[in-house]
Amino acid sequence: MKNYYQPSGLNTGLDFLIDKNRTPEQALAVFELLDDLRERIFNHCQIPIQELLKQERGTTGELEEVIQNR
């Protein structure tokens, strides 16, 4: 079995394969669902997420500028 490396750096867990026969409409629906989920999670936990990202990435205010310009 081939290891797939995710942007998160994780390479263990559940296998998640994307069906090559998925239509563009189905792919867009999943993409929009994930985008909405990401937005809701961020809105609910915005401050702790910002602080954690600052710690992990060593940023000093760039993230706040991006969020304020949304």
Protein backbone atom coordinates (compact mmCIF):
# COMPACT_ATOMS: atom_id res chain seq x y z
CA MET A 1 0.00 0.00 0.00
CA LYS A 2 1.30 3.43 -0.94
CA ASN A 3 1.70 6.12 1.73
CA TYR A 4 0.04 9.41 0.85
CA TYR A 5 1.39 12.44 2.65
CA GLN A 6 -1.12 15.10 3.61
CA PRO A 7 -0.46 18.84 4.02
CA SER A 8 -0.90 18.26 7.76
CA GLY A 9 2.09 15.92 7.73
CA LEU A 10 0.00 12.96 8.87
CA ASN A 11 0.42 9.69 7.06
CA THR A 12 -1.63 7.40 9.29
CA GLY A 13 -5.33 7.05 9.86
CA LEU A 14 -8.23 6.23 7.61
CA ASP A 15 -7.63 5.69 3.93
CA PHE A 16 -9.58 8.25 1.98
CA LEU A 17 -9.73 7.55 -1.72
CA ILE A 18 -11.39 9.86 -4.21
CA ASP A 19 -13.43 8.14 -6.89
CA LYS A 20 -12.06 8.98 -10.35
CA ASN A 21 -15.59 8.71 -11.76
CA ARG A 22 -16.89 11.60 -9.67
CA THR A 23 -18.56 14.27 -11.77
CA PRO A 24 -17.36 17.88 -11.61
CA GLU A 25 -20.72 18.75 -9.99
CA GLN A 26 -20.20 16.14 -7.26
CA ALA A 27 -16.63 17.30 -6.67
CA LEU A 28 -17.79 20.92 -6.39
CA ALA A 29 -20.51 19.95 -3.90
CA VAL A 30 -17.95 18.21 -1.68
CA PHE A 31 -15.52 21.13 -2.04
CA GLU A 32 -18.21 23.62 -1.02
CA LEU A 33 -19.26 21.44 1.93
CA LEU A 34 -15.69 21.29 3.21
CA ASP A 35 -15.23 25.02 2.66
CA ASP A 36 -18.42 25.75 4.66
CA LEU A 37 -17.30 23.38 7.43
CA ARG A 38 -13.88 25.04 7.59
CA GLU A 39 -15.51 28.48 7.84
CA ARG A 40 -17.88 27.40 10.61
CA ILE A 41 -15.09 25.79 12.64
CA PHE A 42 -12.92 28.88 12.23
CA ASN A 43 -15.75 31.23 13.23
CA HIS A 44 -16.46 29.14 16.33
CA CYS A 45 -12.81 28.84 17.44
CA GLN A 46 -11.20 31.84 15.75
CA ILE A 47 -9.06 33.17 18.62
CA PRO A 48 -7.61 29.81 19.76
CA ILE A 49 -6.91 28.86 16.13
CA GLN A 50 -5.13 32.17 15.52
CA GLU A 51 -3.01 31.75 18.63
CA LEU A 52 -2.08 28.18 17.74
CA LEU A 53 -1.18 29.15 14.18
CA LYS A 54 1.00 31.98 15.49
CA GLN A 55 2.83 29.55 17.79
CA GLU A 56 3.29 26.90 15.11
CA ARG A 57 4.25 29.21 12.27
CA GLY A 58 5.97 31.96 14.19
CA THR A 59 3.87 34.74 12.63
CA THR A 60 3.65 38.17 14.21
CA GLY A 61 0.45 39.74 13.03
CA GLU A 62 0.15 38.67 9.40
CA LEU A 63 -2.77 36.38 10.24
CA GLU A 64 -4.78 39.17 11.87
CA GLU A 65 -4.36 41.33 8.75
CA VAL A 66 -5.62 38.52 6.53
CA ILE A 67 -8.67 37.93 8.73
CA GLN A 68 -9.53 41.63 9.00
CA ASN A 69 -9.41 41.95 5.21
CA ARG A 70 -11.87 39.09 4.65
